[in-house]
Amino acid sequence: FRAGIEIDGRLTLPTKIKIIAHEKTISTAQIIIREGRNRQVR
């Protein structure tokens, strides 16, 4: 995720992600991106 994910044929910029809480089946994370592509984080 941090290195970049290919979306719609193009790699995203490097991204920051940090898990800040989690339970058995659900996690909460802080995510920082430097671009704004369509539904990028999703």
PDB file of all heavy atoms in Angstrom:
ATOM      1  N   PHE A   1       0.844  -1.199   0.000  1.00  0.00           N
ATOM      2  CA  PHE A   1       0.000   0.000   0.000  1.00  0.00           C
ATOM      3  C   PHE A   1       0.884   1.256   0.000  1.00  0.00           C
ATOM      4  O   PHE A   1       0.645   2.202  -0.749  1.00  0.00           O
ATOM      5  CB  PHE A   1      -0.884  -0.023   1.248  1.00  0.00           C
ATOM      6  CG  PHE A   1      -2.040   0.936   1.231  1.00  0.00           C
ATOM      7  CD1 PHE A   1      -3.308   0.498   0.900  1.00  0.00           C
ATOM      8  CD2 PHE A   1      -1.867   2.271   1.569  1.00  0.00           C
ATOM      9  CE1 PHE A   1      -4.393   1.371   0.898  1.00  0.00           C
ATOM     10  CE2 PHE A   1      -2.936   3.150   1.568  1.00  0.00           C
ATOM     11  CZ  PHE A   1      -4.208   2.703   1.225  1.00  0.00           C
ATOM     12  N   ARG A   2       1.912   1.254   0.855  1.00  0.00           N
ATOM     13  CA  ARG A   2       2.809   2.417   0.968  1.00  0.00           C
ATOM     14  C   ARG A   2       3.598   2.663  -0.311  1.00  0.00           C
ATOM     15  O   ARG A   2       3.835   3.798  -0.698  1.00  0.00           O
ATOM     16  CB  ARG A   2       3.770   2.204   2.137  1.00  0.00           C
ATOM     17  CG  ARG A   2       3.104   2.178   3.508  1.00  0.00           C
ATOM     18  CD  ARG A   2       4.093   1.865   4.614  1.00  0.00           C
ATOM     19  NE  ARG A   2       3.433   1.803   5.914  1.00  0.00           N
ATOM     20  CZ  ARG A   2       3.455   0.743   6.718  1.00  0.00           C
ATOM     21  NH1 ARG A   2       4.138  -0.353   6.369  1.00  0.00           N
ATOM     22  NH2 ARG A   2       2.808   0.767   7.874  1.00  0.00           N
ATOM     23  N   ALA A   3       4.004   1.589  -0.964  1.00  0.00           N
ATOM     24  CA  ALA A   3       4.835   1.723  -2.163  1.00  0.00           C
ATOM     25  C   ALA A   3       4.052   2.255  -3.354  1.00  0.00           C
ATOM     26  O   ALA A   3       4.610   2.902  -4.246  1.00  0.00           O
ATOM     27  CB  ALA A   3       5.449   0.372  -2.507  1.00  0.00           C
ATOM     28  N   GLY A   4       2.741   1.996  -3.362  1.00  0.00           N
ATOM     29  CA  GLY A   4       1.906   2.418  -4.488  1.00  0.00           C
ATOM     30  C   GLY A   4       1.159   1.238  -5.065  1.00  0.00           C
ATOM     31  O   GLY A   4       1.711   0.137  -5.180  1.00  0.00           O
ATOM     32  N   ILE A   5      -0.099   1.461  -5.385  1.00  0.00           N
ATOM     33  CA  ILE A   5      -0.974   0.414  -5.919  1.00  0.00           C
ATOM     34  C   ILE A   5      -1.385   0.789  -7.335  1.00  0.00           C
ATOM     35  O   ILE A   5      -1.688   1.954  -7.619  1.00  0.00           O
ATOM     36  CB  ILE A   5      -2.242   0.259  -5.056  1.00  0.00           C
ATOM     37  CG1 ILE A   5      -1.894  -0.124  -3.610  1.00  0.00           C
ATOM     38  CG2 ILE A   5      -3.206  -0.741  -5.670  1.00  0.00           C
ATOM     39  CD1 ILE A   5      -1.397  -1.524  -3.426  1.00  0.00           C
ATOM     40  N   GLU A   6      -1.406  -0.187  -8.224  1.00  0.00           N
ATOM     41  CA  GLU A   6      -1.852   0.091  -9.594  1.00  0.00           C
ATOM     42  C   GLU A   6      -3.368   0.210  -9.630  1.00  0.00           C
ATOM     43  O   GLU A   6      -4.083  -0.722  -9.266  1.00  0.00           O
ATOM     44  CB  GLU A   6      -1.388  -1.001 -10.554  1.00  0.00           C
ATOM     45  CG  GLU A   6      -1.716  -0.666 -12.006  1.00  0.00           C
ATOM     46  CD  GLU A   6      -1.136  -1.661 -12.991  1.00  0.00           C
ATOM     47  OE1 GLU A   6       0.070  -1.965 -12.890  1.00  0.00           O
ATOM     48  OE2 GLU A   6      -1.901  -2.125 -13.860  1.00  0.00           O
ATOM     49  N   ILE A   7      -3.843   1.380 -10.052  1.00  0.00           N
ATOM     50  CA  ILE A   7      -5.275   1.640 -10.183  1.00  0.00           C
ATOM     51  C   ILE A   7      -5.552   2.122 -11.599  1.00  0.00           C
ATOM     52  O   ILE A   7      -4.927   3.081 -12.066  1.00  0.00           O
ATOM     53  CB  ILE A   7      -5.749   2.718  -9.177  1.00  0.00           C
ATOM     54  CG1 ILE A   7      -5.636   2.187  -7.744  1.00  0.00           C
ATOM     55  CG2 ILE A   7      -7.188   3.128  -9.454  1.00  0.00           C
ATOM     56  CD1 ILE A   7      -6.012   3.219  -6.707  1.00  0.00           C
ATOM     57  N   ASP A   8      -6.461   1.449 -12.263  1.00  0.00           N
ATOM     58  CA  ASP A   8      -6.837   1.828 -13.634  1.00  0.00           C
ATOM     59  C   ASP A   8      -5.601   1.951 -14.531  1.00  0.00           C
ATOM     60  O   ASP A   8      -5.469   2.888 -15.323  1.00  0.00           O
ATOM     61  CB  ASP A   8      -7.624   3.137 -13.621  1.00  0.00           C
ATOM     62  CG  ASP A   8      -8.879   3.056 -12.772  1.00  0.00           C
ATOM     63  OD1 ASP A   8      -9.494   1.977 -12.730  1.00  0.00           O
ATOM     64  OD2 ASP A   8      -9.230   4.079 -12.135  1.00  0.00           O
ATOM     65  N   GLY A   9      -4.666   1.010 -14.354  1.00  0.00           N
ATOM     66  CA  GLY A   9      -3.492   0.960 -15.221  1.00  0.00           C
ATOM     67  C   GLY A   9      -2.374   1.920 -14.872  1.00  0.00           C
ATOM     68  O   GLY A   9      -1.403   2.030 -15.618  1.00  0.00           O
ATOM     69  N   ARG A  10      -2.488   2.605 -13.716  1.00  0.00           N
ATOM     70  CA  ARG A  10      -1.457   3.576 -13.344  1.00  0.00           C
ATOM     71  C   ARG A  10      -1.153   3.459 -11.855  1.00  0.00           C
ATOM     72  O   ARG A  10      -2.057   3.335 -11.035  1.00  0.00           O
ATOM     73  CB  ARG A  10      -1.944   4.990 -13.691  1.00  0.00           C
ATOM     74  CG  ARG A  10      -0.904   6.087 -13.527  1.00  0.00           C
ATOM     75  CD  ARG A  10      -1.305   7.320 -14.356  1.00  0.00           C
ATOM     76  NE  ARG A  10      -2.619   7.807 -14.022  1.00  0.00           N
ATOM     77  CZ  ARG A  10      -2.847   8.797 -13.147  1.00  0.00           C
ATOM     78  NH1 ARG A  10      -1.831   9.366 -12.510  1.00  0.00           N
ATOM     79  NH2 ARG A  10      -4.075   9.207 -12.911  1.00  0.00           N
ATOM     80  N   LEU A  11       0.139   3.501 -11.522  1.00  0.00           N
ATOM     81  CA  LEU A  11       0.571   3.356 -10.142  1.00  0.00           C
ATOM     82  C   LEU A  11       0.303   4.634  -9.349  1.00  0.00           C
ATOM     83  O   LEU A  11       0.536   5.736  -9.833  1.00  0.00           O
ATOM     84  CB  LEU A  11       2.068   3.041 -10.109  1.00  0.00           C
ATOM     85  CG  LEU A  11       2.630   2.380  -8.846  1.00  0.00           C
ATOM     86  CD1 LEU A  11       2.047   0.984  -8.666  1.00  0.00           C
ATOM     87  CD2 LEU A  11       4.151   2.312  -8.926  1.00  0.00           C
ATOM     88  N   THR A  12      -0.208   4.471  -8.122  1.00  0.00           N
ATOM     89  CA  THR A  12      -0.407   5.642  -7.258  1.00  0.00           C
ATOM     90  C   THR A  12       0.934   6.111  -6.707  1.00  0.00           C
ATOM     91  O   THR A  12       1.907   5.360  -6.672  1.00  0.00           O
ATOM     92  CB  THR A  12      -1.336   5.306  -6.072  1.00  0.00           C
ATOM     93  OG1 THR A  12      -0.718   4.288  -5.267  1.00  0.00           O
ATOM     94  CG2 THR A  12      -2.681   4.820  -6.550  1.00  0.00           C
ATOM     95  N   LEU A  13       0.976   7.350  -6.254  1.00  0.00           N
ATOM     96  CA  LEU A  13       2.165   7.855  -5.582  1.00  0.00           C
ATOM     97  C   LEU A  13       2.349   7.129  -4.256  1.00  0.00           C
ATOM     98  O   LEU A  13       1.387   6.600  -3.698  1.00  0.00           O
ATOM     99  CB  LEU A  13       2.021   9.362  -5.325  1.00  0.00           C
ATOM    100  CG  LEU A  13       2.025  10.289  -6.542  1.00  0.00           C
ATOM    101  CD1 LEU A  13       1.757  11.732  -6.095  1.00  0.00           C
ATOM    102  CD2 LEU A  13       3.343  10.210  -7.298  1.00  0.00           C
ATOM    103  N   PRO A  14       3.585   7.093  -3.734  1.00  0.00           N
ATOM    104  CA  PRO A  14       3.800   6.488  -2.412  1.00  0.00           C
ATOM    105  C   PRO A  14       2.842   7.077  -1.378  1.00  0.00           C
ATOM    106  O   PRO A  14       2.551   8.277  -1.384  1.00  0.00           O
ATOM    107  CB  PRO A  14       5.255   6.848  -2.101  1.00  0.00           C
ATOM    108  CG  PRO A  14       5.892   6.936  -3.451  1.00  0.00           C
ATOM    109  CD  PRO A  14       4.844   7.543  -4.343  1.00  0.00           C
ATOM    110  N   THR A  15       2.337   6.232  -0.502  1.00  0.00           N
ATOM    111  CA  THR A  15       1.262   6.573   0.431  1.00  0.00           C
ATOM    112  C   THR A  15       1.655   6.197   1.859  1.00  0.00           C
ATOM    113  O   THR A  15       2.437   5.279   2.066  1.00  0.00           O
ATOM    114  CB  THR A  15      -0.016   5.812   0.027  1.00  0.00           C
ATOM    115  OG1 THR A  15      -0.347   6.123  -1.317  1.00  0.00           O
ATOM    116  CG2 THR A  15      -1.182   6.180   0.914  1.00  0.00           C
ATOM    117  N   LYS A  16       1.113   6.915   2.829  1.00  0.00           N
ATOM    118  CA  LYS A  16       1.349   6.575   4.237  1.00  0.00           C
ATOM    119  C   LYS A  16       0.115   5.880   4.800  1.00  0.00           C
ATOM    120  O   LYS A  16      -1.006   6.317   4.562  1.00  0.00           O
ATOM    121  CB  LYS A  16       1.636   7.844   5.045  1.00  0.00           C
ATOM    122  CG  LYS A  16       2.865   8.613   4.583  1.00  0.00           C
ATOM    123  CD  LYS A  16       3.001   9.934   5.338  1.00  0.00           C
ATOM    124  CE  LYS A  16       4.150  10.766   4.797  1.00  0.00           C
ATOM    125  NZ  LYS A  16       4.239  12.089   5.474  1.00  0.00           N
ATOM    126  N   ILE A  17       0.338   4.805   5.540  1.00  0.00           N
ATOM    127  CA  ILE A  17      -0.761   4.123   6.208  1.00  0.00           C
ATOM    128  C   ILE A  17      -0.276   3.613   7.563  1.00  0.00           C
ATOM    129  O   ILE A  17       0.838   3.092   7.671  1.00  0.00           O
ATOM    130  CB  ILE A  17      -1.332   2.962   5.352  1.00  0.00           C
ATOM    131  CG1 ILE A  17      -2.531   2.313   6.068  1.00  0.00           C
ATOM    132  CG2 ILE A  17      -0.275   1.932   5.007  1.00  0.00           C
ATOM    133  CD1 ILE A  17      -3.313   1.323   5.208  1.00  0.00           C
ATOM    134  N   LYS A  18      -1.103   3.790   8.582  1.00  0.00           N
ATOM    135  CA  LYS A  18      -0.755   3.359   9.932  1.00  0.00           C
ATOM    136  C   LYS A  18      -2.014   2.827  10.606  1.00  0.00           C
ATOM    137  O   LYS A  18      -3.036   3.518  10.661  1.00  0.00           O
ATOM    138  CB  LYS A  18      -0.186   4.537  10.733  1.00  0.00           C
ATOM    139  CG  LYS A  18       0.157   4.200  12.177  1.00  0.00           C
ATOM    140  CD  LYS A  18       0.874   5.361  12.863  1.00  0.00           C
ATOM    141  CE  LYS A  18      -0.045   6.551  13.064  1.00  0.00           C
ATOM    142  NZ  LYS A  18       0.593   7.638  13.853  1.00  0.00           N
ATOM    143  N   ILE A  19      -1.946   1.600  11.101  1.00  0.00           N
ATOM    144  CA  ILE A  19      -3.066   1.017  11.830  1.00  0.00           C
ATOM    145  C   ILE A  19      -3.122   1.679  13.207  1.00  0.00           C
ATOM    146  O   ILE A  19      -2.136   1.669  13.949  1.00  0.00           O
ATOM    147  CB  ILE A  19      -2.919  -0.505  11.981  1.00  0.00           C
ATOM    148  CG1 ILE A  19      -2.791  -1.180  10.603  1.00  0.00           C
ATOM    149  CG2 ILE A  19      -4.111  -1.075  12.748  1.00  0.00           C
ATOM    150  CD1 ILE A  19      -3.986  -0.983   9.697  1.00  0.00           C
ATOM    151  N   ILE A  20      -4.278   2.248  13.555  1.00  0.00           N
ATOM    152  CA  ILE A  20      -4.396   2.939  14.849  1.00  0.00           C
ATOM    153  C   ILE A  20      -5.303   2.208  15.829  1.00  0.00           C
ATOM    154  O   ILE A  20      -5.329   2.534  17.021  1.00  0.00           O
ATOM    155  CB  ILE A  20      -4.882   4.394  14.645  1.00  0.00           C
ATOM    156  CG1 ILE A  20      -6.211   4.445  13.892  1.00  0.00           C
ATOM    157  CG2 ILE A  20      -3.832   5.220  13.933  1.00  0.00           C
ATOM    158  CD1 ILE A  20      -6.772   5.856  13.718  1.00  0.00           C
ATOM    159  N   ALA A  21      -6.034   1.204  15.337  1.00  0.00           N
ATOM    160  CA  ALA A  21      -6.877   0.393  16.219  1.00  0.00           C
ATOM    161  C   ALA A  21      -7.326  -0.839  15.441  1.00  0.00           C
ATOM    162  O   ALA A  21      -7.409  -0.816  14.212  1.00  0.00           O
ATOM    163  CB  ALA A  21      -8.093   1.172  16.698  1.00  0.00           C
ATOM    164  N   HIS A  22      -7.587  -1.924  16.170  1.00  0.00           N
ATOM    165  CA  HIS A  22      -8.150  -3.103  15.506  1.00  0.00           C
ATOM    166  C   HIS A  22      -8.853  -3.991  16.521  1.00  0.00           C
ATOM    167  O   HIS A  22      -8.525  -4.012  17.712  1.00  0.00           O
ATOM    168  CB  HIS A  22      -7.073  -3.881  14.747  1.00  0.00           C
ATOM    169  CG  HIS A  22      -6.006  -4.484  15.599  1.00  0.00           C
ATOM    170  ND1 HIS A  22      -6.167  -5.650  16.292  1.00  0.00           N
ATOM    171  CD2 HIS A  22      -4.743  -4.064  15.872  1.00  0.00           C
ATOM    172  CE1 HIS A  22      -5.057  -5.940  16.942  1.00  0.00           C
ATOM    173  NE2 HIS A  22      -4.178  -4.982  16.718  1.00  0.00           N
ATOM    174  N   GLU A  23      -9.861  -4.716  16.025  1.00  0.00           N
ATOM    175  CA  GLU A  23     -10.569  -5.706  16.797  1.00  0.00           C
ATOM    176  C   GLU A  23     -10.360  -7.046  16.103  1.00  0.00           C
ATOM    177  O   GLU A  23      -9.427  -7.194  15.317  1.00  0.00           O
ATOM    178  CB  GLU A  23     -12.046  -5.324  16.904  1.00  0.00           C
ATOM    179  CG  GLU A  23     -12.271  -3.983  17.595  1.00  0.00           C
ATOM    180  CD  GLU A  23     -13.723  -3.550  17.605  1.00  0.00           C
ATOM    181  OE1 GLU A  23     -14.574  -4.353  17.155  1.00  0.00           O
ATOM    182  OE2 GLU A  23     -14.009  -2.431  18.053  1.00  0.00           O
ATOM    183  N   LYS A  24     -11.240  -7.999  16.328  1.00  0.00           N
ATOM    184  CA  LYS A  24     -11.039  -9.322  15.743  1.00  0.00           C
ATOM    185  C   LYS A  24     -11.070  -9.302  14.226  1.00  0.00           C
ATOM    186  O   LYS A  24     -10.249  -9.924  13.564  1.00  0.00           O
ATOM    187  CB  LYS A  24     -12.104 -10.280  16.277  1.00  0.00           C
ATOM    188  CG  LYS A  24     -11.908 -10.662  17.743  1.00  0.00           C
ATOM    189  CD  LYS A  24     -12.943 -11.681  18.180  1.00  0.00           C
ATOM    190  CE  LYS A  24     -12.715 -12.075  19.636  1.00  0.00           C
ATOM    191  NZ  LYS A  24     -13.729 -13.074  20.099  1.00  0.00           N
ATOM    192  N   THR A  25     -12.051  -8.604  13.664  1.00  0.00           N
ATOM    193  CA  THR A  25     -12.227  -8.646  12.205  1.00  0.00           C
ATOM    194  C   THR A  25     -12.230  -7.268  11.544  1.00  0.00           C
ATOM    195  O   THR A  25     -12.460  -7.162  10.348  1.00  0.00           O
ATOM    196  CB  THR A  25     -13.550  -9.344  11.843  1.00  0.00           C
ATOM    197  OG1 THR A  25     -14.645  -8.630  12.458  1.00  0.00           O
ATOM    198  CG2 THR A  25     -13.553 -10.783  12.337  1.00  0.00           C
ATOM    199  N   ILE A  26     -11.997  -6.214  12.318  1.00  0.00           N
ATOM    200  CA  ILE A  26     -12.073  -4.853  11.772  1.00  0.00           C
ATOM    201  C   ILE A  26     -10.848  -4.039  12.217  1.00  0.00           C
ATOM    202  O   ILE A  26     -10.427  -4.124  13.376  1.00  0.00           O
ATOM    203  CB  ILE A  26     -13.364  -4.151  12.237  1.00  0.00           C
ATOM    204  CG1 ILE A  26     -14.586  -4.852  11.653  1.00  0.00           C
ATOM    205  CG2 ILE A  26     -13.367  -2.681  11.834  1.00  0.00           C
ATOM    206  CD1 ILE A  26     -15.910  -4.320  12.168  1.00  0.00           C
ATOM    207  N   SER A  27     -10.301  -3.265  11.286  1.00  0.00           N
ATOM    208  CA  SER A  27      -9.168  -2.384  11.585  1.00  0.00           C
ATOM    209  C   SER A  27      -9.516  -0.942  11.255  1.00  0.00           C
ATOM    210  O   SER A  27     -10.320  -0.671  10.363  1.00  0.00           O
ATOM    211  CB  SER A  27      -7.939  -2.794  10.767  1.00  0.00           C
ATOM    212  OG  SER A  27      -7.528  -4.096  11.070  1.00  0.00           O
ATOM    213  N   THR A  28      -8.888  -0.032  11.969  1.00  0.00           N
ATOM    214  CA  THR A  28      -8.995   1.399  11.673  1.00  0.00           C
ATOM    215  C   THR A  28      -7.594   1.922  11.385  1.00  0.00           C
ATOM    216  O   THR A  28      -6.652   1.634  12.140  1.00  0.00           O
ATOM    217  CB  THR A  28      -9.613   2.174  12.850  1.00  0.00           C
ATOM    218  OG1 THR A  28     -10.919   1.652  13.106  1.00  0.00           O
ATOM    219  CG2 THR A  28      -9.729   3.659  12.516  1.00  0.00           C
ATOM    220  N   ALA A  29      -7.463   2.674  10.306  1.00  0.00           N
ATOM    221  CA  ALA A  29      -6.149   3.157   9.887  1.00  0.00           C
ATOM    222  C   ALA A  29      -6.184   4.637   9.555  1.00  0.00           C
ATOM    223  O   ALA A  29      -7.222   5.188   9.177  1.00  0.00           O
ATOM    224  CB  ALA A  29      -5.661   2.373   8.664  1.00  0.00           C
ATOM    225  N   GLN A  30      -5.033   5.257   9.715  1.00  0.00           N
ATOM    226  CA  GLN A  30      -4.825   6.623   9.235  1.00  0.00           C
ATOM    227  C   GLN A  30      -4.090   6.515   7.907  1.00  0.00           C
ATOM    228  O   GLN A  30      -3.057   5.863   7.815  1.00  0.00           O
ATOM    229  CB  GLN A  30      -3.983   7.404  10.242  1.00  0.00           C
ATOM    230  CG  GLN A  30      -3.605   8.808   9.775  1.00  0.00           C
ATOM    231  CD  GLN A  30      -2.702   9.493  10.778  1.00  0.00           C
ATOM    232  OE1 GLN A  30      -3.152   9.956  11.812  1.00  0.00           O
ATOM    233  NE2 GLN A  30      -1.401   9.531  10.493  1.00  0.00           N
ATOM    234  N   ILE A  31      -4.654   7.131   6.876  1.00  0.00           N
ATOM    235  CA  ILE A  31      -4.090   7.047   5.524  1.00  0.00           C
ATOM    236  C   ILE A  31      -3.839   8.453   4.994  1.00  0.00           C
ATOM    237  O   ILE A  31      -4.715   9.325   5.101  1.00  0.00           O
ATOM    238  CB  ILE A  31      -5.043   6.286   4.573  1.00  0.00           C
ATOM    239  CG1 ILE A  31      -5.216   4.836   5.044  1.00  0.00           C
ATOM    240  CG2 ILE A  31      -4.533   6.327   3.134  1.00  0.00           C
ATOM    241  CD1 ILE A  31      -6.282   4.060   4.285  1.00  0.00           C
ATOM    242  N   ILE A  32      -2.666   8.677   4.421  1.00  0.00           N
ATOM    243  CA  ILE A  32      -2.328   9.976   3.842  1.00  0.00           C
ATOM    244  C   ILE A  32      -1.928   9.773   2.385  1.00  0.00           C
ATOM    245  O   ILE A  32      -0.999   9.003   2.085  1.00  0.00           O
ATOM    246  CB  ILE A  32      -1.185  10.668   4.608  1.00  0.00           C
ATOM    247  CG1 ILE A  32      -1.591  10.912   6.071  1.00  0.00           C
ATOM    248  CG2 ILE A  32      -0.812  11.994   3.933  1.00  0.00           C
ATOM    249  CD1 ILE A  32      -0.475  11.480   6.934  1.00  0.00           C
ATOM    250  N   ILE A  33      -2.621  10.464   1.487  1.00  0.00           N
ATOM    251  CA  ILE A  33      -2.288  10.409   0.060  1.00  0.00           C
ATOM    252  C   ILE A  33      -1.907  11.797  -0.439  1.00  0.00           C
ATOM    253  O   ILE A  33      -2.221  12.798   0.201  1.00  0.00           O
ATOM    254  CB  ILE A  33      -3.459   9.850  -0.784  1.00  0.00           C
ATOM    255  CG1 ILE A  33      -4.681  10.767  -0.681  1.00  0.00           C
ATOM    256  CG2 ILE A  33      -3.803   8.437  -0.345  1.00  0.00           C
ATOM    257  CD1 ILE A  33      -5.825  10.347  -1.602  1.00  0.00           C
ATOM    258  N   ARG A  34      -1.224  11.841  -1.588  1.00  0.00           N
ATOM    259  CA  ARG A  34      -0.773  13.122  -2.141  1.00  0.00           C
ATOM    260  C   ARG A  34      -1.344  13.378  -3.533  1.00  0.00           C
ATOM    261  O   ARG A  34      -0.803  14.159  -4.300  1.00  0.00           O
ATOM    262  CB  ARG A  34       0.760  13.162  -2.186  1.00  0.00           C
ATOM    263  CG  ARG A  34       1.403  13.212  -0.813  1.00  0.00           C
ATOM    264  CD  ARG A  34       2.913  13.289  -0.901  1.00  0.00           C
ATOM    265  NE  ARG A  34       3.474  12.010  -1.352  1.00  0.00           N
ATOM    266  CZ  ARG A  34       4.398  11.900  -2.289  1.00  0.00           C
ATOM    267  NH1 ARG A  34       4.855  12.959  -2.922  1.00  0.00           N
ATOM    268  NH2 ARG A  34       4.877  10.710  -2.628  1.00  0.00           N
ATOM    269  N   GLU A  35      -2.426  12.699  -3.840  1.00  0.00           N
ATOM    270  CA  GLU A  35      -3.139  12.926  -5.096  1.00  0.00           C
ATOM    271  C   GLU A  35      -4.614  12.681  -4.817  1.00  0.00           C
ATOM    272  O   GLU A  35      -4.976  12.325  -3.700  1.00  0.00           O
ATOM    273  CB  GLU A  35      -2.600  12.013  -6.202  1.00  0.00           C
ATOM    274  CG  GLU A  35      -2.553  10.554  -5.814  1.00  0.00           C
ATOM    275  CD  GLU A  35      -1.815   9.686  -6.829  1.00  0.00           C
ATOM    276  OE1 GLU A  35      -1.719  10.069  -8.008  1.00  0.00           O
ATOM    277  OE2 GLU A  35      -1.341   8.606  -6.444  1.00  0.00           O
ATOM    278  N   GLY A  36      -5.454  12.891  -5.804  1.00  0.00           N
ATOM    279  CA  GLY A  36      -6.881  12.767  -5.544  1.00  0.00           C
ATOM    280  C   GLY A  36      -7.614  12.076  -6.670  1.00  0.00           C
ATOM    281  O   GLY A  36      -8.571  12.602  -7.225  1.00  0.00           O
ATOM    282  N   ARG A  37      -7.179  10.881  -7.012  1.00  0.00           N
ATOM    283  CA  ARG A  37      -7.815  10.143  -8.093  1.00  0.00           C
ATOM    284  C   ARG A  37      -9.176   9.585  -7.657  1.00  0.00           C
ATOM    285  O   ARG A  37      -9.449   9.442  -6.455  1.00  0.00           O
ATOM    286  CB  ARG A  37      -6.880   9.036  -8.567  1.00  0.00           C
ATOM    287  CG  ARG A  37      -5.648   9.615  -9.281  1.00  0.00           C
ATOM    288  CD  ARG A  37      -4.455   8.700  -9.308  1.00  0.00           C
ATOM    289  NE  ARG A  37      -4.747   7.466 -10.031  1.00  0.00           N
ATOM    290  CZ  ARG A  37      -3.835   6.512 -10.224  1.00  0.00           C
ATOM    291  NH1 ARG A  37      -2.617   6.649  -9.734  1.00  0.00           N
ATOM    292  NH2 ARG A  37      -4.159   5.419 -10.890  1.00  0.00           N
ATOM    293  N   ASN A  38     -10.012   9.269  -8.629  1.00  0.00           N
ATOM    294  CA  ASN A  38     -11.387   8.841  -8.362  1.00  0.00           C
ATOM    295  C   ASN A  38     -11.440   7.617  -7.451  1.00  0.00           C
ATOM    296  O   ASN A  38     -10.889   6.567  -7.783  1.00  0.00           O
ATOM    297  CB  ASN A  38     -12.079   8.542  -9.698  1.00  0.00           C
ATOM    298  CG  ASN A  38     -13.531   8.172  -9.521  1.00  0.00           C
ATOM    299  OD1 ASN A  38     -14.235   8.739  -8.688  1.00  0.00           O
ATOM    300  ND2 ASN A  38     -14.002   7.210 -10.305  1.00  0.00           N
ATOM    301  N   ARG A  39     -12.080   7.774  -6.282  1.00  0.00           N
ATOM    302  CA  ARG A  39     -12.258   6.692  -5.317  1.00  0.00           C
ATOM    303  C   ARG A  39     -10.936   5.995  -4.985  1.00  0.00           C
ATOM    304  O   ARG A  39     -10.874   4.786  -4.770  1.00  0.00           O
ATOM    305  CB  ARG A  39     -13.290   5.676  -5.844  1.00  0.00           C
ATOM    306  CG  ARG A  39     -14.657   6.291  -6.095  1.00  0.00           C
ATOM    307  CD  ARG A  39     -15.638   5.304  -6.703  1.00  0.00           C
ATOM    308  NE  ARG A  39     -15.997   4.234  -5.786  1.00  0.00           N
ATOM    309  CZ  ARG A  39     -16.958   4.311  -4.875  1.00  0.00           C
ATOM    310  NH1 ARG A  39     -17.654   5.425  -4.735  1.00  0.00           N
ATOM    311  NH2 ARG A  39     -17.230   3.285  -4.088  1.00  0.00           N
ATOM    312  N   GLN A  40      -9.872   6.790  -4.909  1.00  0.00           N
ATOM    313  CA  GLN A  40      -8.530   6.228  -4.782  1.00  0.00           C
ATOM    314  C   GLN A  40      -8.335   5.361  -3.543  1.00  0.00           C
ATOM    315  O   GLN A  40      -7.852   4.222  -3.634  1.00  0.00           O
ATOM    316  CB  GLN A  40      -7.483   7.351  -4.782  1.00  0.00           C
ATOM    317  CG  GLN A  40      -6.052   6.845  -4.621  1.00  0.00           C
ATOM    318  CD  GLN A  40      -5.027   7.940  -4.721  1.00  0.00           C
ATOM    319  OE1 GLN A  40      -5.283   8.993  -5.299  1.00  0.00           O
ATOM    320  NE2 GLN A  40      -3.856   7.717  -4.151  1.00  0.00           N
ATOM    321  N   VAL A  41      -8.677   5.886  -2.365  1.00  0.00           N
ATOM    322  CA  VAL A  41      -8.445   5.129  -1.131  1.00  0.00           C
ATOM    323  C   VAL A  41      -9.268   3.847  -1.142  1.00  0.00           C
ATOM    324  O   VAL A  41      -8.789   2.775  -0.743  1.00  0.00           O
ATOM    325  CB  VAL A  41      -8.768   5.982   0.108  1.00  0.00           C
ATOM    326  CG1 VAL A  41      -8.634   5.163   1.384  1.00  0.00           C
ATOM    327  CG2 VAL A  41      -7.833   7.195   0.174  1.00  0.00           C
ATOM    328  N   ARG A  42     -10.506   3.919  -1.587  1.00  0.00           N
ATOM    329  CA  ARG A  42     -11.357   2.721  -1.649  1.00  0.00           C
ATOM    330  C   ARG A  42     -10.737   1.655  -2.548  1.00  0.00           C
ATOM    331  O   ARG A  42     -10.688   0.470  -2.198  1.00  0.00           O
ATOM    332  CB  ARG A  42     -12.753   3.079  -2.170  1.00  0.00           C
ATOM    333  CG  ARG A  42     -13.561   3.904  -1.189  1.00  0.00           C
ATOM    334  CD  ARG A  42     -14.974   4.185  -1.658  1.00  0.00           C
ATOM    335  NE  ARG A  42     -15.647   4.992  -0.664  1.00  0.00           N
ATOM    336  CZ  ARG A  42     -16.221   4.495   0.437  1.00  0.00           C
ATOM    337  NH1 ARG A  42     -16.211   3.190   0.642  1.00  0.00           N
ATOM    338  NH2 ARG A  42     -16.797   5.293   1.309  1.00  0.00           N
TER     339      ARG A  42
END
